[in-house]
Amino acid sequence: MATNLDKMLQFIDDYQHQRPQSSSIQVVRSLRAYTRPAYANKFWEMVAGNNPKFIRGELDDQTVVLMGQSIDFAHFMAALSDQTWGGNLRSTLTDGVLWLMSKAVTGRGYDSREYTAAIGDTAQPIEVYLDKYGPDSYKPEVLAELLTKFASDQDYASDLVAFVVGRLLYENPTLSVRDAILEASWFNYSDTVRRYLVEMFGARLSHNRQIVNGVQVRQRIKERIRAYLIIKRDVLKGSVFNRTYRKQIRPALIDHASDYFIHYLQQSLVYHYQLSER
């Protein structure tokens, strides 16, 4: 009997075979049209450069297991699309423009891979909080609830598995999307978290996988959360001159969200490493 993952992979493989002239990266970008309407809105079109309009949810409402993790497959495919930098001329140019925007408004240049996916999931609760409570309050218990809702363990696992599948597609351009997902499914999740921390945030780890330079890692996560919020809410919505979000992002909110994400990463590093050693 076919599993949910088998069905999703078969759909992806059939889709790619019908487009022999498209690279795997281009296929990933266009598959976003089969996830959810919310993943094909204007913001993601700007980030991707050529984000397709939603067609139908062939890749939605399915939970699968990859690397021993419960994965929301639609979320995973959307995050994978975020990780595939370039793919066509328009998206390459858009990523270049966004890099320059982030450099201008935050002081550092980030391409879209660096402030979407897991960073976007971590930042979204801050958006929701500010929209509901405004800039003059900080209610830790409310933000904690929003983080649990919008940045669940399943969401983060979907993002991090997408991160490593995206790297596989860049390292092996001839690999099909289906084969990249299957290859990654055999990876150890703790090793995936370690690679994410090292490559994205310059983390240094001890022999028992504790983050040694936690202060620096935390700062880099905070910078990317801030870049996501400013670019999404100030730059892309046309209010860059009002500096709305640069005024409203309370440090306590970003600190709280960053600590929440780091806690997940550290816990996953140790727990899944210990499981693999048994």
C-alpha atoms as a PDB file:
ATOM      1  CA  MET A   1       0.000   0.000   0.000  1.00  0.00           C
ATOM      2  CA  ALA A   2       1.412   3.382  -1.027  1.00  0.00           C
ATOM      3  CA  THR A   3       2.287   5.762   1.788  1.00  0.00           C
ATOM      4  CA  ASN A   4       1.610   9.487   1.770  1.00  0.00           C
ATOM      5  CA  LEU A   5       5.284  10.052   0.943  1.00  0.00           C
ATOM      6  CA  ASP A   6       5.134   7.613  -1.990  1.00  0.00           C
ATOM      7  CA  LYS A   7       2.146   9.494  -3.409  1.00  0.00           C
ATOM      8  CA  MET A   8       3.792  12.875  -3.019  1.00  0.00           C
ATOM      9  CA  LEU A   9       7.051  11.691  -4.591  1.00  0.00           C
ATOM     10  CA  GLN A  10       5.211  10.069  -7.487  1.00  0.00           C
ATOM     11  CA  PHE A  11       3.387  13.310  -8.209  1.00  0.00           C
ATOM     12  CA  ILE A  12       6.693  15.228  -8.118  1.00  0.00           C
ATOM     13  CA  ASP A  13       8.437  12.696 -10.363  1.00  0.00           C
ATOM     14  CA  ASP A  14       5.614  12.687 -12.925  1.00  0.00           C
ATOM     15  CA  TYR A  15       5.587  16.474 -12.884  1.00  0.00           C
ATOM     16  CA  GLN A  16       9.346  16.673 -13.484  1.00  0.00           C
ATOM     17  CA  HIS A  17       9.307  14.088 -16.276  1.00  0.00           C
ATOM     18  CA  GLN A  18       6.704  16.187 -18.088  1.00  0.00           C
ATOM     19  CA  ARG A  19       9.196  19.088 -18.063  1.00  0.00           C
ATOM     20  CA  PRO A  20      12.491  17.601 -19.291  1.00  0.00           C
ATOM     21  CA  GLN A  21      13.909  21.019 -20.173  1.00  0.00           C
ATOM     22  CA  SER A  22      13.511  22.359 -16.633  1.00  0.00           C
ATOM     23  CA  SER A  23      16.213  21.978 -13.999  1.00  0.00           C
ATOM     24  CA  SER A  24      15.339  20.473 -10.637  1.00  0.00           C
ATOM     25  CA  ILE A  25      15.592  23.937  -9.080  1.00  0.00           C
ATOM     26  CA  GLN A  26      13.090  25.323 -11.594  1.00  0.00           C
ATOM     27  CA  VAL A  27      10.786  22.371 -10.918  1.00  0.00           C
ATOM     28  CA  VAL A  28      10.929  22.998  -7.165  1.00  0.00           C
ATOM     29  CA  ARG A  29       9.968  26.627  -7.680  1.00  0.00           C
ATOM     30  CA  SER A  30       6.970  25.743  -9.872  1.00  0.00           C
ATOM     31  CA  LEU A  31       5.794  22.973  -7.519  1.00  0.00           C
ATOM     32  CA  ARG A  32       4.995  25.659  -4.982  1.00  0.00           C
ATOM     33  CA  ALA A  33       1.776  26.147  -6.970  1.00  0.00           C
ATOM     34  CA  TYR A  34       0.566  22.800  -5.613  1.00  0.00           C
ATOM     35  CA  THR A  35       1.050  23.510  -1.909  1.00  0.00           C
ATOM     36  CA  ARG A  36      -1.247  26.148  -0.349  1.00  0.00           C
ATOM     37  CA  PRO A  37      -2.674  29.505  -1.431  1.00  0.00           C
ATOM     38  CA  ALA A  38      -0.863  31.234   1.447  1.00  0.00           C
ATOM     39  CA  TYR A  39       2.476  30.040   0.040  1.00  0.00           C
ATOM     40  CA  ALA A  40       1.827  31.656  -3.356  1.00  0.00           C
ATOM     41  CA  ASN A  41       0.990  35.210  -2.294  1.00  0.00           C
ATOM     42  CA  LYS A  42       2.647  38.482  -3.338  1.00  0.00           C
ATOM     43  CA  PHE A  43       5.370  38.405  -0.694  1.00  0.00           C
ATOM     44  CA  TRP A  44       6.608  34.998  -1.769  1.00  0.00           C
ATOM     45  CA  GLU A  45       6.399  36.017  -5.400  1.00  0.00           C
ATOM     46  CA  MET A  46       8.760  38.878  -4.594  1.00  0.00           C
ATOM     47  CA  VAL A  47      11.102  36.588  -2.685  1.00  0.00           C
ATOM     48  CA  ALA A  48      11.123  33.872  -5.340  1.00  0.00           C
ATOM     49  CA  GLY A  49      11.249  36.210  -8.316  1.00  0.00           C
ATOM     50  CA  ASN A  50       8.806  34.117 -10.294  1.00  0.00           C
ATOM     51  CA  ASN A  51       6.494  32.456  -7.815  1.00  0.00           C
ATOM     52  CA  PRO A  52       3.638  30.575  -9.515  1.00  0.00           C
ATOM     53  CA  LYS A  53      -0.003  31.210  -8.771  1.00  0.00           C
ATOM     54  CA  PHE A  54      -1.717  28.576  -6.660  1.00  0.00           C
ATOM     55  CA  ILE A  55      -3.299  25.820  -8.755  1.00  0.00           C
ATOM     56  CA  ARG A  56      -4.429  23.100  -6.379  1.00  0.00           C
ATOM     57  CA  GLY A  57      -3.264  21.402  -3.208  1.00  0.00           C
ATOM     58  CA  GLU A  58      -1.795  18.197  -4.602  1.00  0.00           C
ATOM     59  CA  LEU A  59       1.031  18.499  -2.065  1.00  0.00           C
ATOM     60  CA  ASP A  60      -1.103  19.757   0.816  1.00  0.00           C
ATOM     61  CA  ASP A  61      -2.730  18.106   3.843  1.00  0.00           C
ATOM     62  CA  GLN A  62      -0.171  15.357   4.044  1.00  0.00           C
ATOM     63  CA  THR A  63       2.078  14.483   6.951  1.00  0.00           C
ATOM     64  CA  VAL A  64       5.050  12.313   6.073  1.00  0.00           C
ATOM     65  CA  VAL A  65       8.128  11.060   7.902  1.00  0.00           C
ATOM     66  CA  LEU A  66      11.591  12.156   6.732  1.00  0.00           C
ATOM     67  CA  MET A  67      14.778  11.680   8.766  1.00  0.00           C
ATOM     68  CA  GLY A  68      12.549  10.262  11.481  1.00  0.00           C
ATOM     69  CA  GLN A  69      10.714  13.603  11.727  1.00  0.00           C
ATOM     70  CA  SER A  70       7.040  14.359  11.237  1.00  0.00           C
ATOM     71  CA  ILE A  71       6.979  16.673   8.216  1.00  0.00           C
ATOM     72  CA  ASP A  72       4.205  18.860   6.850  1.00  0.00           C
ATOM     73  CA  PHE A  73       4.848  18.151   3.184  1.00  0.00           C
ATOM     74  CA  ALA A  74       3.321  21.366   1.789  1.00  0.00           C
ATOM     75  CA  HIS A  75       5.364  23.390   4.289  1.00  0.00           C
ATOM     76  CA  PHE A  76       8.451  21.380   3.349  1.00  0.00           C
ATOM     77  CA  MET A  77       7.986  22.040  -0.387  1.00  0.00           C
ATOM     78  CA  ALA A  78       7.443  25.756   0.200  1.00  0.00           C
ATOM     79  CA  ALA A  79      10.576  25.900   2.378  1.00  0.00           C
ATOM     80  CA  LEU A  80      12.484  23.975  -0.303  1.00  0.00           C
ATOM     81  CA  SER A  81      11.394  26.594  -2.827  1.00  0.00           C
ATOM     82  CA  ASP A  82      12.796  29.265  -0.489  1.00  0.00           C
ATOM     83  CA  GLN A  83      16.101  27.390  -0.375  1.00  0.00           C
ATOM     84  CA  THR A  84      16.524  27.161  -4.139  1.00  0.00           C
ATOM     85  CA  TRP A  85      18.269  30.439  -4.871  1.00  0.00           C
ATOM     86  CA  GLY A  86      17.992  31.481  -8.498  1.00  0.00           C
ATOM     87  CA  GLY A  87      16.373  28.996 -10.876  1.00  0.00           C
ATOM     88  CA  ASN A  88      15.778  31.573 -13.606  1.00  0.00           C
ATOM     89  CA  LEU A  89      17.007  35.040 -14.526  1.00  0.00           C
ATOM     90  CA  ARG A  90      14.136  36.886 -12.848  1.00  0.00           C
ATOM     91  CA  SER A  91      14.475  35.094  -9.533  1.00  0.00           C
ATOM     92  CA  THR A  92      18.267  35.500  -9.603  1.00  0.00           C
ATOM     93  CA  LEU A  93      17.895  39.246 -10.159  1.00  0.00           C
ATOM     94  CA  THR A  94      15.231  39.456  -7.453  1.00  0.00           C
ATOM     95  CA  ASP A  95      17.483  37.727  -4.945  1.00  0.00           C
ATOM     96  CA  GLY A  96      20.205  40.203  -5.834  1.00  0.00           C
ATOM     97  CA  VAL A  97      17.851  43.133  -5.253  1.00  0.00           C
ATOM     98  CA  LEU A  98      16.690  41.684  -1.928  1.00  0.00           C
ATOM     99  CA  TRP A  99      20.324  41.240  -0.904  1.00  0.00           C
ATOM    100  CA  LEU A 100      20.913  44.927  -1.576  1.00  0.00           C
ATOM    101  CA  MET A 101      17.705  45.870   0.286  1.00  0.00           C
ATOM    102  CA  SER A 102      18.713  43.882   3.341  1.00  0.00           C
ATOM    103  CA  LYS A 103      22.170  45.450   3.198  1.00  0.00           C
ATOM    104  CA  ALA A 104      20.613  48.917   3.081  1.00  0.00           C
ATOM    105  CA  VAL A 105      18.056  48.454   5.863  1.00  0.00           C
ATOM    106  CA  THR A 106      19.895  46.118   8.252  1.00  0.00           C
ATOM    107  CA  GLY A 107      23.564  46.699   7.471  1.00  0.00           C
ATOM    108  CA  ARG A 108      24.080  43.138   6.212  1.00  0.00           C
ATOM    109  CA  GLY A 109      23.319  41.530   2.874  1.00  0.00           C
ATOM    110  CA  TYR A 110      21.141  38.400   2.957  1.00  0.00           C
ATOM    111  CA  ASP A 111      19.713  36.457   0.058  1.00  0.00           C
ATOM    112  CA  SER A 112      16.223  35.057   0.506  1.00  0.00           C
ATOM    113  CA  ARG A 113      17.486  31.687   1.796  1.00  0.00           C
ATOM    114  CA  GLU A 114      18.813  33.412   4.901  1.00  0.00           C
ATOM    115  CA  TYR A 115      15.652  35.068   6.184  1.00  0.00           C
ATOM    116  CA  THR A 116      12.838  32.797   4.997  1.00  0.00           C
ATOM    117  CA  ALA A 117      11.847  29.221   5.958  1.00  0.00           C
ATOM    118  CA  ALA A 118      12.758  28.660   9.644  1.00  0.00           C
ATOM    119  CA  ILE A 119      13.619  32.330  10.186  1.00  0.00           C
ATOM    120  CA  GLY A 120      10.304  33.335   8.640  1.00  0.00           C
ATOM    121  CA  ASP A 121       8.442  30.911  10.895  1.00  0.00           C
ATOM    122  CA  THR A 122      10.211  32.412  13.909  1.00  0.00           C
ATOM    123  CA  ALA A 123       9.447  35.977  12.828  1.00  0.00           C
ATOM    124  CA  GLN A 124       5.791  35.485  11.920  1.00  0.00           C
ATOM    125  CA  PRO A 125       4.569  35.329  15.543  1.00  0.00           C
ATOM    126  CA  ILE A 126       6.139  38.753  16.104  1.00  0.00           C
ATOM    127  CA  GLU A 127       4.134  40.114  13.170  1.00  0.00           C
ATOM    128  CA  VAL A 128       0.930  38.652  14.580  1.00  0.00           C
ATOM    129  CA  TYR A 129       1.738  40.018  18.032  1.00  0.00           C
ATOM    130  CA  LEU A 130       2.417  43.547  16.768  1.00  0.00           C
ATOM    131  CA  ASP A 131      -0.714  43.571  14.620  1.00  0.00           C
ATOM    132  CA  LYS A 132      -2.823  42.587  17.626  1.00  0.00           C
ATOM    133  CA  TYR A 133      -1.149  44.322  20.563  1.00  0.00           C
ATOM    134  CA  GLY A 134       0.872  47.119  18.984  1.00  0.00           C
ATOM    135  CA  PRO A 135       4.442  48.208  19.715  1.00  0.00           C
ATOM    136  CA  ASP A 136       4.020  49.335  23.313  1.00  0.00           C
ATOM    137  CA  SER A 137       3.618  46.003  25.068  1.00  0.00           C
ATOM    138  CA  TYR A 138       5.510  42.789  25.654  1.00  0.00           C
ATOM    139  CA  LYS A 139       3.514  39.865  26.986  1.00  0.00           C
ATOM    140  CA  PRO A 140       5.852  36.863  27.131  1.00  0.00           C
ATOM    141  CA  GLU A 141       3.066  34.347  27.641  1.00  0.00           C
ATOM    142  CA  VAL A 142       1.207  35.618  24.565  1.00  0.00           C
ATOM    143  CA  LEU A 143       4.287  35.510  22.333  1.00  0.00           C
ATOM    144  CA  ALA A 144       5.138  32.036  23.670  1.00  0.00           C
ATOM    145  CA  GLU A 145       1.693  30.828  22.626  1.00  0.00           C
ATOM    146  CA  LEU A 146       2.056  32.370  19.183  1.00  0.00           C
ATOM    147  CA  LEU A 147       5.480  30.787  18.705  1.00  0.00           C
ATOM    148  CA  THR A 148       4.078  27.369  19.596  1.00  0.00           C
ATOM    149  CA  LYS A 149       1.305  27.886  17.056  1.00  0.00           C
ATOM    150  CA  PHE A 150       3.279  29.337  14.132  1.00  0.00           C
ATOM    151  CA  ALA A 151       6.729  27.816  14.728  1.00  0.00           C
ATOM    152  CA  SER A 152       6.027  24.273  15.842  1.00  0.00           C
ATOM    153  CA  ASP A 153       8.580  21.479  15.967  1.00  0.00           C
ATOM    154  CA  GLN A 154       6.963  20.085  12.812  1.00  0.00           C
ATOM    155  CA  ASP A 155       7.364  23.423  11.043  1.00  0.00           C
ATOM    156  CA  TYR A 156      11.026  23.636  11.992  1.00  0.00           C
ATOM    157  CA  ALA A 157      11.700  20.039  10.972  1.00  0.00           C
ATOM    158  CA  SER A 158      10.054  20.734   7.602  1.00  0.00           C
ATOM    159  CA  ASP A 159      12.301  23.780   7.158  1.00  0.00           C
ATOM    160  CA  LEU A 160      15.549  22.070   8.116  1.00  0.00           C
ATOM    161  CA  VAL A 161      14.956  18.994   5.978  1.00  0.00           C
ATOM    162  CA  ALA A 162      14.207  21.396   3.101  1.00  0.00           C
ATOM    163  CA  PHE A 163      17.507  23.165   3.822  1.00  0.00           C
ATOM    164  CA  VAL A 164      19.548  20.025   3.285  1.00  0.00           C
ATOM    165  CA  VAL A 165      17.530  18.859   0.244  1.00  0.00           C
ATOM    166  CA  GLY A 166      18.161  22.273  -1.296  1.00  0.00           C
ATOM    167  CA  ARG A 167      21.892  21.868  -0.711  1.00  0.00           C
ATOM    168  CA  LEU A 168      21.788  18.436  -2.371  1.00  0.00           C
ATOM    169  CA  LEU A 169      20.188  19.910  -5.489  1.00  0.00           C
ATOM    170  CA  TYR A 170      22.936  22.529  -5.736  1.00  0.00           C
ATOM    171  CA  GLU A 171      25.723  20.041  -5.145  1.00  0.00           C
ATOM    172  CA  ASN A 172      24.240  17.534  -7.622  1.00  0.00           C
ATOM    173  CA  PRO A 173      22.455  19.480 -10.406  1.00  0.00           C
ATOM    174  CA  THR A 174      21.505  16.302 -12.284  1.00  0.00           C
ATOM    175  CA  LEU A 175      19.683  14.864  -9.269  1.00  0.00           C
ATOM    176  CA  SER A 176      15.912  14.753  -9.629  1.00  0.00           C
ATOM    177  CA  VAL A 177      13.786  16.356  -6.929  1.00  0.00           C
ATOM    178  CA  ARG A 178      12.396  12.950  -5.960  1.00  0.00           C
ATOM    179  CA  ASP A 179      15.866  11.398  -5.663  1.00  0.00           C
ATOM    180  CA  ALA A 180      17.173  14.328  -3.612  1.00  0.00           C
ATOM    181  CA  ILE A 181      14.318  13.918  -1.114  1.00  0.00           C
ATOM    182  CA  LEU A 182      14.869  10.160  -0.919  1.00  0.00           C
ATOM    183  CA  GLU A 183      18.619  10.584  -0.431  1.00  0.00           C
ATOM    184  CA  ALA A 184      18.097  13.136   2.331  1.00  0.00           C
ATOM    185  CA  SER A 185      15.561  10.892   4.056  1.00  0.00           C
ATOM    186  CA  TRP A 186      18.440   8.634   5.118  1.00  0.00           C
ATOM    187  CA  PHE A 187      20.401  11.435   6.771  1.00  0.00           C
ATOM    188  CA  ASN A 188      20.651  11.758  10.530  1.00  0.00           C
ATOM    189  CA  TYR A 189      18.531  14.680  11.707  1.00  0.00           C
ATOM    190  CA  SER A 190      21.086  15.812  14.287  1.00  0.00           C
ATOM    191  CA  ASP A 191      23.685  16.052  11.516  1.00  0.00           C
ATOM    192  CA  THR A 192      21.248  18.132   9.469  1.00  0.00           C
ATOM    193  CA  VAL A 193      20.725  20.537  12.391  1.00  0.00           C
ATOM    194  CA  ARG A 194      24.489  20.718  12.897  1.00  0.00           C
ATOM    195  CA  ARG A 195      25.067  21.568   9.224  1.00  0.00           C
ATOM    196  CA  TYR A 196      22.349  24.218   9.333  1.00  0.00           C
ATOM    197  CA  LEU A 197      23.868  25.864  12.399  1.00  0.00           C
ATOM    198  CA  VAL A 198      27.407  25.792  11.026  1.00  0.00           C
ATOM    199  CA  GLU A 199      26.620  26.975   7.494  1.00  0.00           C
ATOM    200  CA  MET A 200      23.937  29.536   8.313  1.00  0.00           C
ATOM    201  CA  PHE A 201      25.186  31.003  11.587  1.00  0.00           C
ATOM    202  CA  GLY A 202      28.838  30.020  11.912  1.00  0.00           C
ATOM    203  CA  ALA A 203      28.161  27.853  14.972  1.00  0.00           C
ATOM    204  CA  ARG A 204      30.957  26.016  16.755  1.00  0.00           C
ATOM    205  CA  LEU A 205      30.006  22.836  18.567  1.00  0.00           C
ATOM    206  CA  SER A 206      31.605  20.849  21.376  1.00  0.00           C
ATOM    207  CA  HIS A 207      32.213  17.097  21.138  1.00  0.00           C
ATOM    208  CA  ASN A 208      28.811  16.464  22.740  1.00  0.00           C
ATOM    209  CA  ARG A 209      27.104  18.920  20.372  1.00  0.00           C
ATOM    210  CA  GLN A 210      26.620  21.883  22.628  1.00  0.00           C
ATOM    211  CA  ILE A 211      26.714  25.269  20.875  1.00  0.00           C
ATOM    212  CA  VAL A 212      29.951  26.882  22.069  1.00  0.00           C
ATOM    213  CA  ASN A 213      29.520  30.381  20.580  1.00  0.00           C
ATOM    214  CA  GLY A 214      25.883  30.816  21.553  1.00  0.00           C
ATOM    215  CA  VAL A 215      26.110  34.615  21.826  1.00  0.00           C
ATOM    216  CA  GLN A 216      27.271  34.990  18.223  1.00  0.00           C
ATOM    217  CA  VAL A 217      24.724  32.478  16.903  1.00  0.00           C
ATOM    218  CA  ARG A 218      21.921  34.243  18.756  1.00  0.00           C
ATOM    219  CA  GLN A 219      22.988  37.604  17.311  1.00  0.00           C
ATOM    220  CA  ARG A 220      22.993  36.269  13.756  1.00  0.00           C
ATOM    221  CA  ILE A 221      19.542  34.758  14.194  1.00  0.00           C
ATOM    222  CA  LYS A 222      18.266  38.066  15.568  1.00  0.00           C
ATOM    223  CA  GLU A 223      19.706  39.946  12.583  1.00  0.00           C
ATOM    224  CA  ARG A 224      17.922  37.671  10.132  1.00  0.00           C
ATOM    225  CA  ILE A 225      14.606  37.910  11.975  1.00  0.00           C
ATOM    226  CA  ARG A 226      14.912  41.667  11.843  1.00  0.00           C
ATOM    227  CA  ALA A 227      15.767  41.543   8.112  1.00  0.00           C
ATOM    228  CA  TYR A 228      12.692  39.404   7.427  1.00  0.00           C
ATOM    229  CA  LEU A 229      10.364  41.752   9.286  1.00  0.00           C
ATOM    230  CA  ILE A 230      11.745  44.957   7.814  1.00  0.00           C
ATOM    231  CA  ILE A 231      11.876  43.721   4.232  1.00  0.00           C
ATOM    232  CA  LYS A 232       8.439  42.133   4.363  1.00  0.00           C
ATOM    233  CA  ARG A 233       6.632  44.919   6.177  1.00  0.00           C
ATOM    234  CA  ASP A 234       8.536  48.083   5.259  1.00  0.00           C
ATOM    235  CA  VAL A 235      10.216  47.487   1.912  1.00  0.00           C
ATOM    236  CA  LEU A 236       7.814  45.224   0.037  1.00  0.00           C
ATOM    237  CA  LYS A 237       4.720  46.982   1.341  1.00  0.00           C
ATOM    238  CA  GLY A 238       6.053  50.340   0.216  1.00  0.00           C
ATOM    239  CA  SER A 239       6.385  51.967   3.624  1.00  0.00           C
ATOM    240  CA  VAL A 240      10.169  51.994   3.678  1.00  0.00           C
ATOM    241  CA  PHE A 241      10.249  55.775   4.176  1.00  0.00           C
ATOM    242  CA  ASN A 242       7.923  55.502   7.177  1.00  0.00           C
ATOM    243  CA  ARG A 243      10.355  53.107   8.844  1.00  0.00           C
ATOM    244  CA  THR A 244       7.342  51.527  10.567  1.00  0.00           C
ATOM    245  CA  TYR A 245       8.828  48.203  11.524  1.00  0.00           C
ATOM    246  CA  ARG A 246      12.252  49.599  12.264  1.00  0.00           C
ATOM    247  CA  LYS A 247      10.555  51.689  14.935  1.00  0.00           C
ATOM    248  CA  GLN A 248       8.161  49.015  16.191  1.00  0.00           C
ATOM    249  CA  ILE A 249      10.272  45.890  16.537  1.00  0.00           C
ATOM    250  CA  ARG A 250      10.845  45.685  20.273  1.00  0.00           C
ATOM    251  CA  PRO A 251      14.153  44.015  21.174  1.00  0.00           C
ATOM    252  CA  ALA A 252      12.379  41.853  23.777  1.00  0.00           C
ATOM    253  CA  LEU A 253      10.194  40.291  21.066  1.00  0.00           C
ATOM    254  CA  ILE A 254      13.131  39.390  18.850  1.00  0.00           C
ATOM    255  CA  ASP A 255      15.141  38.151  21.845  1.00  0.00           C
ATOM    256  CA  HIS A 256      12.269  35.903  22.924  1.00  0.00           C
ATOM    257  CA  ALA A 257      11.726  34.464  19.432  1.00  0.00           C
ATOM    258  CA  SER A 258      15.464  33.919  18.915  1.00  0.00           C
ATOM    259  CA  ASP A 259      15.799  32.046  22.203  1.00  0.00           C
ATOM    260  CA  TYR A 260      12.816  29.879  21.278  1.00  0.00           C
ATOM    261  CA  PHE A 261      14.450  28.895  17.977  1.00  0.00           C
ATOM    262  CA  ILE A 262      17.875  28.296  19.546  1.00  0.00           C
ATOM    263  CA  HIS A 263      16.283  26.082  22.196  1.00  0.00           C
ATOM    264  CA  TYR A 264      14.753  23.945  19.445  1.00  0.00           C
ATOM    265  CA  LEU A 265      18.064  23.699  17.567  1.00  0.00           C
ATOM    266  CA  GLN A 266      20.109  22.806  20.662  1.00  0.00           C
ATOM    267  CA  GLN A 267      17.556  20.265  21.850  1.00  0.00           C
ATOM    268  CA  SER A 268      17.412  18.622  18.410  1.00  0.00           C
ATOM    269  CA  LEU A 269      21.204  18.521  18.174  1.00  0.00           C
ATOM    270  CA  VAL A 270      21.598  16.604  21.415  1.00  0.00           C
ATOM    271  CA  TYR A 271      18.464  14.451  21.449  1.00  0.00           C
ATOM    272  CA  HIS A 272      18.783  13.048  17.935  1.00  0.00           C
ATOM    273  CA  TYR A 273      22.546  12.635  18.285  1.00  0.00           C
ATOM    274  CA  GLN A 274      22.045  10.590  21.447  1.00  0.00           C
ATOM    275  CA  LEU A 275      19.434   8.453  19.677  1.00  0.00           C
ATOM    276  CA  SER A 276      21.860   7.705  16.839  1.00  0.00           C
ATOM    277  CA  GLU A 277      24.579   6.696  19.305  1.00  0.00           C
ATOM    278  CA  ARG A 278      22.442   4.076  21.045  1.00  0.00           C
END
